[in-house]
């Protein structure tokens, strides 16, 4: 029975041609791993963010919603959060990078709504997406009707329990809210609870 993180490969066959008493063989293209199934626990791993945006967009289209496009500012937010979780070795919206609301304020990203999914222990983008899709609160985040921008990141944590930490941020860039500073948020918002049994997912609706 295949494991959910089993890698998928795309190969190509070659055809031998026999013409006028001679034959030629087309070279076999190198085997490549689609972005959805590339291991993020390997040194030098690169996350295929475009594949993530397309996957979430297709998921949304199946529910009658519009697609999402990559946003550099949201990629930076996701990268900072994934890196902070890897550094802290902790799956939480409250990390050394700050609470989600504080991070929104510090980013300067003015938006009409922002939602964050986090995860850990998933080796591939496909695995992480399957986990979020199987969790009602995280699925709800990905299906926010007004969300149209996305950022995503994965951070390696070699030698830890989880090996890879994930962060996804979705946003509605319209109808900006009043500007609030990170200092104001930190004074007003108590810390989020930290950790979850087994280190699985922390439901987060923001």
N, C-alpha and C. Protein backbone atom coordinates (compact mmCIF):
# COMPACT_ATOMS: atom_id res chain seq x y z
N UNK A 1 0.86 -1.19 0.00
CA UNK A 1 0.00 0.00 0.00
C UNK A 1 0.90 1.23 0.00
N UNK A 2 0.69 2.17 -0.93
CA UNK A 2 1.59 3.33 -0.99
C UNK A 2 1.39 4.24 0.19
N UNK A 3 2.48 4.75 0.70
CA UNK A 3 2.45 5.73 1.79
C UNK A 3 2.08 7.09 1.20
N UNK A 4 1.43 7.92 1.99
CA UNK A 4 0.93 9.19 1.47
C UNK A 4 2.06 10.10 1.00
N UNK A 5 3.27 9.88 1.50
CA UNK A 5 4.38 10.73 1.10
C UNK A 5 5.25 10.08 0.03
N UNK A 6 4.75 8.95 -0.55
CA UNK A 6 5.50 8.29 -1.60
C UNK A 6 5.71 9.26 -2.75
N UNK A 7 6.92 9.35 -3.24
CA UNK A 7 7.20 10.31 -4.28
C UNK A 7 6.68 9.80 -5.61
N UNK A 8 6.21 10.73 -6.44
CA UNK A 8 5.75 10.38 -7.77
C UNK A 8 6.80 10.81 -8.77
N UNK A 9 6.99 10.01 -9.80
CA UNK A 9 7.99 10.32 -10.80
C UNK A 9 7.36 10.33 -12.17
N UNK A 10 7.88 11.17 -13.02
CA UNK A 10 7.46 11.21 -14.41
C UNK A 10 8.62 10.73 -15.25
N UNK A 11 8.41 9.68 -15.99
CA UNK A 11 9.46 9.16 -16.84
C UNK A 11 9.05 9.26 -18.30
N UNK A 12 9.92 8.92 -19.18
CA UNK A 12 9.62 8.94 -20.60
C UNK A 12 10.28 7.75 -21.26
N UNK A 13 9.51 7.05 -22.09
CA UNK A 13 10.05 5.91 -22.80
C UNK A 13 10.72 6.38 -24.08
N UNK A 14 11.59 5.55 -24.64
CA UNK A 14 12.22 5.90 -25.89
C UNK A 14 11.80 4.90 -26.95
N UNK A 15 11.83 5.33 -28.19
CA UNK A 15 11.42 4.49 -29.31
C UNK A 15 12.61 4.27 -30.23
N UNK A 16 12.85 3.04 -30.59
CA UNK A 16 13.92 2.72 -31.53
C UNK A 16 13.37 2.77 -32.94
N UNK A 17 14.07 3.47 -33.81
CA UNK A 17 13.65 3.59 -35.19
C UNK A 17 14.61 2.82 -36.08
N UNK A 18 14.07 2.02 -36.97
CA UNK A 18 14.91 1.27 -37.89
C UNK A 18 14.59 1.74 -39.30
N UNK A 19 15.46 2.50 -39.87
CA UNK A 19 15.24 3.05 -41.20
C UNK A 19 16.49 2.81 -42.04
N UNK A 20 16.26 2.28 -43.28
CA UNK A 20 17.35 2.06 -44.25
C UNK A 20 18.50 1.30 -43.62
N UNK A 21 18.17 0.30 -42.83
CA UNK A 21 19.19 -0.57 -42.29
C UNK A 21 19.94 -0.01 -41.11
N UNK A 22 19.56 1.19 -40.60
CA UNK A 22 20.23 1.74 -39.43
C UNK A 22 19.18 2.10 -38.40
N UNK A 23 19.55 2.22 -37.18
CA UNK A 23 18.61 2.55 -36.12
C UNK A 23 19.14 3.71 -35.31
N UNK A 24 18.18 4.47 -34.74
CA UNK A 24 18.56 5.58 -33.87
C UNK A 24 17.68 5.54 -32.64
N UNK A 25 18.23 5.91 -31.52
CA UNK A 25 17.49 5.89 -30.27
C UNK A 25 17.46 7.28 -29.68
N UNK A 26 16.24 7.78 -29.42
CA UNK A 26 16.10 9.10 -28.81
C UNK A 26 16.59 9.04 -27.37
N UNK A 27 17.33 10.04 -26.91
CA UNK A 27 17.80 10.03 -25.52
C UNK A 27 16.65 10.05 -24.54
N UNK A 28 16.81 9.38 -23.43
CA UNK A 28 15.79 9.36 -22.40
C UNK A 28 15.91 10.61 -21.53
N UNK A 29 14.84 11.42 -21.47
CA UNK A 29 14.90 12.62 -20.62
C UNK A 29 15.14 12.23 -19.16
N UNK A 30 15.86 13.04 -18.43
CA UNK A 30 16.09 12.71 -17.01
C UNK A 30 14.79 12.68 -16.24
N UNK A 31 14.71 11.78 -15.27
CA UNK A 31 13.52 11.68 -14.45
C UNK A 31 13.47 12.88 -13.51
N UNK A 32 12.31 13.51 -13.45
CA UNK A 32 12.14 14.67 -12.59
C UNK A 32 10.98 14.44 -11.64
N UNK A 33 11.06 15.05 -10.48
CA UNK A 33 9.99 14.95 -9.49
C UNK A 33 9.14 16.20 -9.55
N UNK A 34 7.83 16.06 -9.77
CA UNK A 34 6.97 17.24 -9.79
C UNK A 34 7.08 18.03 -8.49
N UNK A 35 6.86 19.34 -8.57
CA UNK A 35 6.99 20.21 -7.41
C UNK A 35 6.17 19.77 -6.22
N UNK A 36 4.99 19.19 -6.47
CA UNK A 36 4.12 18.78 -5.38
C UNK A 36 4.74 17.69 -4.53
N UNK A 37 5.65 16.92 -5.12
CA UNK A 37 6.19 15.74 -4.44
C UNK A 37 7.68 15.86 -4.12
N UNK A 38 8.24 17.04 -4.24
CA UNK A 38 9.65 17.23 -3.92
C UNK A 38 9.85 17.27 -2.41
N UNK A 39 10.78 16.46 -1.93
CA UNK A 39 11.07 16.40 -0.50
C UNK A 39 11.64 17.72 -0.02
N UNK A 40 11.09 18.23 1.07
CA UNK A 40 11.57 19.48 1.65
C UNK A 40 12.52 19.24 2.81
N UNK A 41 12.80 17.97 3.12
CA UNK A 41 13.71 17.66 4.22
C UNK A 41 15.14 17.48 3.74
N UNK A 42 15.34 17.48 2.43
CA UNK A 42 16.68 17.29 1.88
C UNK A 42 17.45 18.61 1.87
N UNK A 43 18.74 18.58 2.09
CA UNK A 43 19.55 19.80 1.99
C UNK A 43 19.40 20.44 0.62
N UNK A 44 19.24 21.76 0.62
CA UNK A 44 19.11 22.48 -0.64
C UNK A 44 17.75 22.39 -1.28
N UNK A 45 16.75 21.85 -0.57
CA UNK A 45 15.41 21.71 -1.12
C UNK A 45 14.84 23.08 -1.48
N UNK A 46 14.12 23.14 -2.59
CA UNK A 46 13.47 24.37 -3.02
C UNK A 46 11.97 24.13 -3.13
N UNK A 47 11.19 24.97 -2.51
CA UNK A 47 9.73 24.82 -2.55
C UNK A 47 9.17 25.42 -3.83
N UNK A 48 8.32 24.68 -4.50
CA UNK A 48 7.66 25.15 -5.72
C UNK A 48 6.41 25.93 -5.32
N UNK A 49 6.59 27.22 -5.09
CA UNK A 49 5.48 28.05 -4.63
C UNK A 49 4.38 28.17 -5.69
N UNK A 50 4.78 28.21 -6.95
CA UNK A 50 3.78 28.33 -8.00
C UNK A 50 2.88 27.10 -8.01
N UNK A 51 3.46 25.92 -7.79
CA UNK A 51 2.66 24.71 -7.73
C UNK A 51 1.67 24.77 -6.57
N UNK A 52 2.10 25.38 -5.45
CA UNK A 52 1.20 25.53 -4.30
C UNK A 52 0.04 26.43 -4.64
N UNK A 53 0.32 27.57 -5.28
CA UNK A 53 -0.74 28.50 -5.65
C UNK A 53 -1.72 27.85 -6.61
N UNK A 54 -1.20 27.09 -7.57
CA UNK A 54 -2.07 26.42 -8.53
C UNK A 54 -2.92 25.35 -7.86
N UNK A 55 -2.34 24.63 -6.91
CA UNK A 55 -3.07 23.58 -6.21
C UNK A 55 -4.21 24.17 -5.38
N UNK A 56 -3.93 25.24 -4.64
CA UNK A 56 -4.97 25.88 -3.84
C UNK A 56 -6.02 26.51 -4.75
N UNK A 57 -5.60 27.09 -5.85
CA UNK A 57 -6.54 27.70 -6.79
C UNK A 57 -7.49 26.65 -7.36
N UNK A 58 -6.95 25.48 -7.72
CA UNK A 58 -7.80 24.42 -8.26
C UNK A 58 -8.77 23.92 -7.20
N UNK A 59 -8.32 23.83 -5.97
CA UNK A 59 -9.18 23.43 -4.86
C UNK A 59 -10.32 24.43 -4.70
N UNK A 60 -10.02 25.72 -4.81
CA UNK A 60 -11.02 26.76 -4.68
C UNK A 60 -12.00 26.75 -5.87
N UNK A 61 -11.49 26.54 -7.07
CA UNK A 61 -12.36 26.51 -8.25
C UNK A 61 -13.40 25.40 -8.12
N UNK A 62 -12.99 24.28 -7.52
CA UNK A 62 -13.93 23.18 -7.33
C UNK A 62 -15.07 23.53 -6.39
N UNK A 63 -14.90 24.61 -5.63
CA UNK A 63 -15.95 25.09 -4.73
C UNK A 63 -16.58 26.39 -5.23
N UNK A 64 -16.31 26.72 -6.49
CA UNK A 64 -16.91 27.91 -7.08
C UNK A 64 -16.27 29.21 -6.67
N UNK A 65 -15.02 29.16 -6.19
CA UNK A 65 -14.32 30.36 -5.73
C UNK A 65 -13.22 30.75 -6.70
N UNK A 66 -12.78 31.99 -6.61
CA UNK A 66 -11.73 32.49 -7.47
C UNK A 66 -10.36 31.97 -7.08
N UNK A 67 -9.39 32.06 -7.99
CA UNK A 67 -8.04 31.57 -7.72
C UNK A 67 -7.26 32.51 -6.81
N UNK A 68 -6.08 32.07 -6.40
CA UNK A 68 -5.17 32.90 -5.62
C UNK A 68 -3.87 33.04 -6.40
N UNK A 69 -3.21 34.17 -6.23
CA UNK A 69 -1.92 34.40 -6.87
C UNK A 69 -0.86 34.65 -5.81
N UNK A 70 0.37 34.32 -6.16
CA UNK A 70 1.48 34.51 -5.21
C UNK A 70 1.70 35.98 -4.93
N UNK A 71 2.01 36.28 -3.68
CA UNK A 71 2.26 37.66 -3.25
C UNK A 71 3.61 37.68 -2.54
N UNK A 72 4.56 38.49 -3.00
CA UNK A 72 5.89 38.52 -2.38
C UNK A 72 5.87 38.83 -0.89
N UNK A 73 5.00 39.78 -0.48
CA UNK A 73 4.93 40.14 0.94
C UNK A 73 4.42 38.97 1.77
N UNK A 74 3.45 38.22 1.25
CA UNK A 74 2.92 37.07 1.98
C UNK A 74 3.94 35.93 2.00
N UNK A 75 4.71 35.79 0.92
CA UNK A 75 5.79 34.79 0.93
C UNK A 75 6.79 35.10 2.04
N UNK A 76 7.11 36.38 2.20
CA UNK A 76 8.06 36.76 3.25
C UNK A 76 7.48 36.48 4.63
N UNK A 77 6.19 36.75 4.82
CA UNK A 77 5.56 36.46 6.10
C UNK A 77 5.59 34.97 6.40
N UNK A 78 5.25 34.17 5.40
CA UNK A 78 5.24 32.71 5.58
C UNK A 78 6.65 32.20 5.86
N UNK A 79 7.63 32.75 5.15
CA UNK A 79 9.02 32.34 5.35
C UNK A 79 9.49 32.66 6.77
N UNK A 80 9.13 33.85 7.26
CA UNK A 80 9.54 34.24 8.61
C UNK A 80 8.91 33.33 9.65
N UNK A 81 7.64 32.97 9.46
CA UNK A 81 6.96 32.12 10.43
C UNK A 81 7.48 30.69 10.39
N UNK A 82 7.66 30.14 9.19
CA UNK A 82 8.19 28.78 9.09
C UNK A 82 9.59 28.70 9.69
N UNK A 83 10.41 29.71 9.41
CA UNK A 83 11.78 29.73 9.94
C UNK A 83 11.78 29.85 11.46
N UNK A 84 10.87 30.67 12.00
CA UNK A 84 10.79 30.84 13.45
C UNK A 84 10.37 29.54 14.12
N UNK A 85 9.40 28.82 13.53
CA UNK A 85 8.98 27.55 14.11
C UNK A 85 10.12 26.54 14.06
N UNK A 86 10.86 26.52 12.94
CA UNK A 86 12.00 25.61 12.84
C UNK A 86 13.07 25.96 13.86
N UNK A 87 13.29 27.24 14.05
CA UNK A 87 14.30 27.69 15.01
C UNK A 87 13.87 27.36 16.44
N UNK A 88 12.58 27.55 16.74
CA UNK A 88 12.05 27.28 18.08
C UNK A 88 11.74 25.79 18.29
N UNK A 89 11.70 25.01 17.17
CA UNK A 89 11.28 23.62 17.22
C UNK A 89 9.91 23.51 17.89
N UNK A 90 8.98 24.32 17.38
CA UNK A 90 7.66 24.41 18.00
C UNK A 90 6.62 24.74 16.94
N UNK A 91 5.53 23.98 16.92
CA UNK A 91 4.42 24.24 16.02
C UNK A 91 3.42 25.15 16.72
N UNK A 92 3.41 26.41 16.35
CA UNK A 92 2.55 27.37 17.03
C UNK A 92 2.43 28.63 16.20
N UNK A 93 1.27 29.30 16.30
CA UNK A 93 1.10 30.61 15.67
C UNK A 93 1.83 31.69 16.49
N UNK A 94 2.17 31.35 17.72
CA UNK A 94 2.89 32.27 18.61
C UNK A 94 4.33 31.78 18.70
N UNK A 95 5.24 32.44 18.01
CA UNK A 95 6.64 32.02 17.97
C UNK A 95 7.54 33.21 18.30
N UNK A 96 8.84 32.99 18.14
CA UNK A 96 9.79 34.08 18.36
C UNK A 96 9.59 35.19 17.34
N UNK A 97 8.84 34.91 16.28
CA UNK A 97 8.53 35.95 15.29
C UNK A 97 7.35 36.80 15.72
N UNK A 98 6.64 36.39 16.79
CA UNK A 98 5.49 37.15 17.29
C UNK A 98 4.17 36.46 16.98
N UNK A 99 3.09 36.98 17.54
CA UNK A 99 1.76 36.45 17.26
C UNK A 99 1.38 36.77 15.82
N UNK A 100 0.36 36.10 15.31
CA UNK A 100 -0.07 36.33 13.93
C UNK A 100 -0.48 37.79 13.73
N UNK A 101 -1.25 38.33 14.66
CA UNK A 101 -1.69 39.71 14.52
C UNK A 101 -0.53 40.68 14.61
N UNK A 102 0.44 40.37 15.46
CA UNK A 102 1.61 41.23 15.56
C UNK A 102 2.44 41.17 14.28
N UNK A 103 2.52 39.98 13.69
CA UNK A 103 3.29 39.83 12.46
C UNK A 103 2.61 40.56 11.29
N UNK A 104 1.28 40.55 11.27
CA UNK A 104 0.56 41.31 10.24
C UNK A 104 0.88 42.79 10.37
N UNK A 105 0.82 43.29 11.60
CA UNK A 105 1.10 44.70 11.84
C UNK A 105 2.53 45.06 11.46
N UNK A 106 3.48 44.18 11.81
CA UNK A 106 4.88 44.46 11.52
C UNK A 106 5.17 44.42 10.02
N UNK A 107 4.39 43.63 9.28
CA UNK A 107 4.64 43.48 7.84
C UNK A 107 4.26 44.72 7.05
N UNK A 108 3.34 45.52 7.60
CA UNK A 108 2.86 46.68 6.87
C UNK A 108 1.87 46.33 5.78
N UNK A 109 1.46 45.08 5.69
CA UNK A 109 0.52 44.64 4.66
C UNK A 109 -0.88 45.08 5.05
N UNK A 110 -1.45 45.98 4.28
CA UNK A 110 -2.81 46.46 4.55
C UNK A 110 -3.80 45.56 3.84
N UNK A 111 -4.73 45.01 4.57
CA UNK A 111 -5.61 44.01 3.96
C UNK A 111 -7.00 44.04 4.54
N UNK A 112 -7.92 43.38 3.83
CA UNK A 112 -9.29 43.25 4.31
C UNK A 112 -9.52 41.94 5.02
N UNK A 113 -8.50 41.14 5.18
CA UNK A 113 -8.59 39.86 5.86
C UNK A 113 -7.35 39.04 5.60
N UNK A 114 -6.88 38.33 6.60
CA UNK A 114 -5.69 37.49 6.44
C UNK A 114 -5.85 36.24 7.28
N UNK A 115 -5.41 35.11 6.70
CA UNK A 115 -5.59 33.81 7.35
C UNK A 115 -4.30 33.02 7.25
N UNK A 116 -3.99 32.26 8.30
CA UNK A 116 -2.72 31.51 8.34
C UNK A 116 -2.96 30.04 8.68
N UNK A 117 -2.31 29.16 7.93
CA UNK A 117 -2.25 27.74 8.23
C UNK A 117 -0.80 27.38 8.52
N UNK A 118 -0.58 26.55 9.51
CA UNK A 118 0.76 26.06 9.79
C UNK A 118 0.72 24.53 9.89
N UNK A 119 1.86 23.92 9.76
CA UNK A 119 1.94 22.48 9.86
C UNK A 119 3.38 22.04 10.09
N UNK A 120 3.57 20.78 10.42
CA UNK A 120 4.92 20.27 10.65
C UNK A 120 4.93 18.77 10.43
N UNK A 121 6.08 18.26 10.04
CA UNK A 121 6.24 16.83 9.86
C UNK A 121 5.86 16.31 8.48
N UNK A 122 5.47 17.20 7.58
CA UNK A 122 5.12 16.79 6.22
C UNK A 122 6.32 17.00 5.31
N UNK A 123 6.69 15.98 4.58
CA UNK A 123 7.90 16.03 3.78
C UNK A 123 7.69 16.76 2.45
N UNK A 124 6.47 16.70 1.91
CA UNK A 124 6.21 17.29 0.60
C UNK A 124 5.05 18.27 0.66
N UNK A 125 4.97 19.09 -0.37
CA UNK A 125 3.86 20.03 -0.48
C UNK A 125 2.52 19.29 -0.55
N UNK A 126 2.50 18.18 -1.28
CA UNK A 126 1.26 17.39 -1.38
C UNK A 126 0.82 16.90 -0.01
N UNK A 127 1.77 16.46 0.82
CA UNK A 127 1.43 15.99 2.17
C UNK A 127 0.87 17.12 3.02
N UNK A 128 1.52 18.29 2.95
CA UNK A 128 1.06 19.43 3.75
C UNK A 128 -0.34 19.85 3.33
N UNK A 129 -0.59 19.89 2.02
CA UNK A 129 -1.90 20.29 1.52
C UNK A 129 -2.97 19.28 1.95
N UNK A 130 -2.64 18.00 1.90
CA UNK A 130 -3.59 16.97 2.32
C UNK A 130 -3.96 17.15 3.79
N UNK A 131 -2.96 17.48 4.63
CA UNK A 131 -3.24 17.70 6.04
C UNK A 131 -4.16 18.89 6.26
N UNK A 132 -3.89 19.99 5.57
CA UNK A 132 -4.74 21.19 5.71
C UNK A 132 -6.14 20.94 5.17
N UNK A 133 -6.22 20.25 4.04
CA UNK A 133 -7.52 19.99 3.43
C UNK A 133 -8.37 19.07 4.31
N UNK A 134 -7.71 18.20 5.09
CA UNK A 134 -8.44 17.25 5.94
C UNK A 134 -8.85 17.85 7.28
N UNK A 135 -8.41 19.07 7.56
CA UNK A 135 -8.74 19.74 8.82
C UNK A 135 -9.76 20.84 8.53
N UNK A 136 -11.00 20.74 9.05
CA UNK A 136 -12.03 21.74 8.73
C UNK A 136 -11.60 23.19 8.93
N UNK A 137 -10.95 23.57 10.04
CA UNK A 137 -10.56 24.97 10.18
C UNK A 137 -9.55 25.42 9.13
N UNK A 138 -8.59 24.55 8.81
CA UNK A 138 -7.58 24.91 7.82
C UNK A 138 -8.17 24.93 6.41
N UNK A 139 -9.09 24.00 6.15
CA UNK A 139 -9.77 24.01 4.86
C UNK A 139 -10.58 25.29 4.70
N UNK A 140 -11.21 25.72 5.78
CA UNK A 140 -12.00 26.95 5.74
C UNK A 140 -11.11 28.15 5.40
N UNK A 141 -9.89 28.16 5.94
CA UNK A 141 -8.97 29.24 5.61
C UNK A 141 -8.67 29.26 4.11
N UNK A 142 -8.41 28.09 3.52
CA UNK A 142 -8.08 28.03 2.11
C UNK A 142 -9.27 28.37 1.22
N UNK A 143 -10.48 28.28 1.79
CA UNK A 143 -11.70 28.54 1.02
C UNK A 143 -12.35 29.86 1.40
N UNK A 144 -11.59 30.77 1.99
CA UNK A 144 -12.13 32.08 2.29
C UNK A 144 -12.56 32.75 0.98
N UNK A 145 -13.83 33.15 0.86
CA UNK A 145 -14.33 33.68 -0.42
C UNK A 145 -13.55 34.88 -0.95
N UNK A 146 -13.08 35.75 -0.06
CA UNK A 146 -12.43 36.98 -0.51
C UNK A 146 -10.91 36.85 -0.66
N UNK A 147 -10.36 35.72 -0.28
CA UNK A 147 -8.91 35.55 -0.39
C UNK A 147 -8.52 35.48 -1.88
N UNK A 148 -7.50 36.23 -2.25
CA UNK A 148 -7.04 36.21 -3.64
C UNK A 148 -5.52 36.22 -3.75
N UNK A 149 -4.82 36.31 -2.63
CA UNK A 149 -3.35 36.29 -2.61
C UNK A 149 -2.88 35.20 -1.65
N UNK A 150 -1.70 34.66 -1.92
CA UNK A 150 -1.17 33.58 -1.09
C UNK A 150 0.35 33.68 -0.97
N UNK A 151 0.84 33.24 0.17
CA UNK A 151 2.27 33.08 0.38
C UNK A 151 2.48 31.76 1.11
N UNK A 152 3.57 31.07 0.82
CA UNK A 152 3.80 29.78 1.46
C UNK A 152 5.30 29.56 1.60
N UNK A 153 5.67 28.80 2.63
CA UNK A 153 7.09 28.51 2.86
C UNK A 153 7.22 27.21 3.64
N UNK A 154 8.38 26.58 3.47
CA UNK A 154 8.75 25.40 4.25
C UNK A 154 10.16 25.62 4.77
N UNK A 155 10.39 25.25 6.02
CA UNK A 155 11.71 25.44 6.64
C UNK A 155 12.19 24.12 7.22
N UNK A 156 13.43 23.76 6.89
CA UNK A 156 14.01 22.53 7.39
C UNK A 156 14.46 22.70 8.84
N UNK A 157 14.28 21.63 9.61
CA UNK A 157 14.77 21.60 10.99
C UNK A 157 15.42 20.24 11.21
N UNK A 158 16.62 20.02 10.62
CA UNK A 158 17.27 18.71 10.69
C UNK A 158 17.49 18.24 12.12
N UNK A 159 17.24 16.97 12.35
CA UNK A 159 17.48 16.38 13.66
C UNK A 159 16.36 16.60 14.66
N UNK A 160 15.30 17.32 14.27
CA UNK A 160 14.17 17.53 15.17
C UNK A 160 13.09 16.49 14.91
N UNK A 161 12.09 16.50 15.73
CA UNK A 161 10.99 15.54 15.60
C UNK A 161 10.25 15.69 14.27
N UNK A 162 10.09 16.96 13.82
CA UNK A 162 9.25 17.23 12.65
C UNK A 162 10.04 17.33 11.35
N UNK A 163 11.29 17.72 11.40
CA UNK A 163 12.14 17.85 10.22
C UNK A 163 11.78 19.03 9.31
N UNK A 164 10.48 19.26 9.09
CA UNK A 164 10.05 20.35 8.20
C UNK A 164 8.86 21.07 8.83
N UNK A 165 8.92 22.40 8.82
CA UNK A 165 7.80 23.23 9.29
C UNK A 165 7.23 24.02 8.12
N UNK A 166 5.90 24.17 8.11
CA UNK A 166 5.20 24.81 7.00
C UNK A 166 4.37 26.01 7.47
N UNK A 167 4.26 27.00 6.63
CA UNK A 167 3.38 28.14 6.90
C UNK A 167 2.76 28.61 5.58
N UNK A 168 1.46 28.85 5.62
CA UNK A 168 0.72 29.38 4.47
C UNK A 168 -0.08 30.59 4.93
N UNK A 169 0.00 31.67 4.18
CA UNK A 169 -0.76 32.87 4.51
C UNK A 169 -1.61 33.25 3.30
N UNK A 170 -2.90 33.46 3.53
CA UNK A 170 -3.81 33.92 2.49
C UNK A 170 -4.36 35.28 2.88
N UNK A 171 -4.67 36.11 1.88
CA UNK A 171 -5.13 37.45 2.20
C UNK A 171 -6.07 37.99 1.15
N UNK A 172 -6.92 38.89 1.61
CA UNK A 172 -7.75 39.72 0.74
C UNK A 172 -7.08 41.09 0.74
N UNK A 173 -6.46 41.50 -0.37
CA UNK A 173 -5.71 42.76 -0.37
C UNK A 173 -6.59 44.00 -0.47
N UNK A 174 -7.88 43.82 -0.58
CA UNK A 174 -8.80 44.95 -0.74
C UNK A 174 -9.33 45.45 0.59
N UNK A 175 -10.00 46.60 0.54
CA UNK A 175 -10.66 47.16 1.72
C UNK A 175 -9.73 47.18 2.92
N UNK A 176 -8.60 47.92 2.82
CA UNK A 176 -7.61 47.90 3.91
C UNK A 176 -8.16 48.36 5.24
N UNK A 177 -7.67 47.73 6.28
CA UNK A 177 -8.05 48.08 7.65
C UNK A 177 -7.21 49.25 8.14
N UNK A 178 -7.65 49.91 9.21
CA UNK A 178 -6.82 50.97 9.79
C UNK A 178 -5.47 50.42 10.21
N UNK A 179 -4.43 51.20 10.03
CA UNK A 179 -3.09 50.75 10.36
C UNK A 179 -2.93 50.59 11.87
N UNK A 180 -2.38 49.46 12.29
CA UNK A 180 -2.13 49.19 13.70
C UNK A 180 -0.68 48.76 13.82
N UNK A 181 0.04 49.29 14.79
CA UNK A 181 1.44 48.94 14.96
C UNK A 181 1.58 47.63 15.73
N UNK A 182 2.72 46.99 15.57
CA UNK A 182 2.98 45.73 16.28
C UNK A 182 2.97 45.96 17.79
N UNK A 183 3.45 47.10 18.23
CA UNK A 183 3.48 47.39 19.66
C UNK A 183 2.06 47.46 20.22
N UNK A 184 1.15 48.08 19.46
CA UNK A 184 -0.24 48.16 19.91
C UNK A 184 -0.86 46.77 20.00
N UNK A 185 -0.57 45.93 19.03
CA UNK A 185 -1.12 44.58 19.04
C UNK A 185 -0.60 43.80 20.23
N UNK A 186 0.70 43.86 20.48
CA UNK A 186 1.29 43.10 21.58
C UNK A 186 0.75 43.53 22.95
N UNK A 187 0.39 44.81 23.07
CA UNK A 187 -0.18 45.28 24.35
C UNK A 187 -1.61 44.80 24.52
N UNK A 188 -2.33 44.66 23.39
CA UNK A 188 -3.76 44.37 23.47
C UNK A 188 -4.10 42.89 23.40
N UNK A 189 -3.24 42.08 22.78
CA UNK A 189 -3.57 40.68 22.53
C UNK A 189 -2.77 39.76 23.44
N UNK A 190 -3.45 38.93 24.24
CA UNK A 190 -2.71 37.96 25.07
C UNK A 190 -2.11 36.88 24.18
N UNK A 191 -1.08 36.18 24.67
CA UNK A 191 -0.44 35.15 23.85
C UNK A 191 -1.41 34.04 23.48
N UNK A 192 -1.21 33.46 22.29
CA UNK A 192 -1.98 32.29 21.88
C UNK A 192 -1.48 31.09 22.68
N UNK A 193 -2.37 30.07 22.89
CA UNK A 193 -1.89 28.84 23.52
C UNK A 193 -0.81 28.19 22.66
N UNK A 194 0.15 27.61 23.30
CA UNK A 194 1.28 27.04 22.59
C UNK A 194 1.20 25.52 22.61
N UNK A 195 1.44 24.92 21.45
CA UNK A 195 1.53 23.47 21.37
C UNK A 195 0.19 22.80 21.19
N UNK A 196 0.24 21.54 20.82
CA UNK A 196 -0.96 20.73 20.65
C UNK A 196 -0.58 19.28 20.87
N UNK A 197 -1.50 18.47 21.40
CA UNK A 197 -1.18 17.08 21.65
C UNK A 197 -0.66 16.39 20.40
N UNK A 198 0.48 15.75 20.52
CA UNK A 198 1.04 15.04 19.38
C UNK A 198 1.67 15.95 18.35
N UNK A 199 1.60 17.25 18.54
CA UNK A 199 2.20 18.17 17.60
C UNK A 199 1.55 18.13 16.23
N UNK A 200 0.25 17.84 16.15
CA UNK A 200 -0.40 17.79 14.84
C UNK A 200 -0.75 19.22 14.44
N UNK A 201 -1.99 19.51 14.10
CA UNK A 201 -2.35 20.85 13.67
C UNK A 201 -3.00 21.63 14.79
N UNK A 202 -2.78 22.93 14.78
CA UNK A 202 -3.47 23.82 15.72
C UNK A 202 -4.55 24.53 14.92
N UNK A 203 -5.83 24.25 15.17
CA UNK A 203 -6.87 24.95 14.42
C UNK A 203 -6.71 26.45 14.61
N UNK A 204 -6.74 27.16 13.51
CA UNK A 204 -6.50 28.60 13.57
C UNK A 204 -7.40 29.31 12.57
N UNK A 205 -8.35 30.05 13.06
CA UNK A 205 -9.20 30.87 12.23
C UNK A 205 -8.97 32.31 12.63
N UNK A 206 -8.36 33.08 11.73
CA UNK A 206 -8.03 34.46 12.03
C UNK A 206 -8.80 35.39 11.10
